[in-house]
Amino acid sequence: MREILKAASKTGGAAIISMILSVITIKVMAIILGPGGTGLYAVLTQIYTTALALAVFSGGSALVQGIASREEEERVQYLATTWWLVAAGTTIACAILIAFAPQITYLVTGKSDALTIGMARWLALPVGLGAVYIYLSSMMNGFRDIGRLASIRVSGTAVTAALAYPVALGVKKEHFLAFIWLISVPLMVQVILSFWSALKAGWLHPFSIKANRAFHGHAARQFFSIAITMLITGQISSIVFTFINSLVVQHSGLVGAGVFNAAWSLSMQYVMLILTSFSTYFLPVLSGTKEQEARTILLSNVSRLTTIVMIPLVTAIIVLKPMIMTALYSAEYSQSLTILRWMLIGDYLKISSWVIAMPALAYADMKTFFWTEIAWYLGFLALSFLSISVYSSLQGIGMAFGVLYVFNLAYYSWYVWKRYNFVIPKQTAKVWLIGFSIVIASSIYNWNRVTVDGSAILWLGAAFITSWFALTNGERVKLGAMVKSKAGGSK
């Protein structure tokens, strides 16, 4: 338990700082550029994300799992082989991006003018940088250098925040390539810092004078056994999201895209605060855990801790969402609340589903992982298409998100029971149900509200009290002592 908390505090602290810096970035761009400008940036970011996933075969998790579950020479062979695979994939992805930029931009934006095509081709630069960073950061995660990895992640968001204002001014003057540098420069910083850390730690041994021969077929097969599934599902995810973005643009223009992406970004950012806090430790440790008793203890502890954290966090976003959206963006984005209110309920389910789904990835049960991901994204696409094209409503996107995670959580609850004989402990399940009741009740009460009233204090109080009493007496004493120590140190 202590190791989980220690790792979560490092990555969680970094995630909070990164989230604050991201808020600054978004706010600056929203004020200067408005929904149209942020919509264009979101579209470029989505093209970049899709190309980057192709470049590394969506192999970040495969790298972490492979490094964590291997030792000595086998690990060295795996590192060297996967580097050449990532290098080849990056070359192919950049070539596709440059050669097919007209078709890509037309598919995503409905435009194929010279400026848009040029921006798409320039995205090859951050794709190359991003691929190197993913490889190096996955290496650090696999070796559990969590503290340094967290610091490097923060450095990227800090550089992005510092560049947001001059980039926004440049874009406002129609220097649209400034968006490319906003994506690229932070990656340059992260690559340099990651490379230096890996070099000092001695992890770059595979890239010695014999690197040109360091390719091993068995390591490649093991990597692709996970990475290909991650690549396919990752690309389907990106394609689905890009297609939905395209539907939104065609239905409501770039302003609609800005509104949709505002809701999506807020939902993803705070959820990632929890997932990032735990996943950096959870995946590599679970991958190396083979005994049933140890696995059950680990799953129980992570399930309990994520539940305790997410009850007040999700409730806070629900009751404060009008204020948060205005603070992050502006009053122009109030329409996003109709999408977000459904997504927030889905987020509570998503976090729990993520915990109990992790064994499928950690133990390379890629058939289960593949079909559950495919089912979710195809369902999301179908329901979103129905909402936009038939009912002319963006709200249905959020509704689809929430409903689909009900089925996802139900399936994985059955899966871990059937495959690993794991059931959520009764006390954790009790706390989870109480927390879910608070989430539902607070959401219904604040369903159509566009301002925050005094009831927010009551809802937040109920959520924090639930989490507080979910702690053991010993944990409450330690937490109280830690708070007093921090308070005393600040005087």
Foldseek 3Di string as FASTA:
>chain_A
DVVLVVLLVQLLVLLVLLLVLVLLLLALLQVLPNLLRVLVLVLLVLLLQLLLCQLLLLQLLLLLLLLLQDDDPSNLLLLLASVVSSVVSLVVSLVCQLVCLQVVCCLQQVDRDPVSSVLSNLSSQLSVLVSLLSSLLSVCLSVPVSNLSSVLVSQLSNVLSVLSNVLSVCVVVVVPNSSSVSSRVSSVSSNVSSVVVCVVVVVCVCPDPCSVVSHDPVSVVSSCLQSNLSSVLVSLLSVLVSNLLNLQCVLPNSSSSSLQVLLVVVLVSLLCSLCSSRVSPLQSVLLNDDDLVVNQVSLQVSLLVSLLVVLLVLLLCLQCVLVSSCSSHRPSNLLSLLLNLLQSLLSLLVSNLVSLCSVCSSVSVSVVVNVLSVVLSVQLSVQSCCCCVPVVDNSSSSNSSNVSSVVSSVVSQVVCCVPSVHHHDPLSVVLSVQSSVLSVVSSVVCVPPNHHDPCSVVSSVSRNVSSLVSDDPVVNVVVVVVVVVVVVVVD
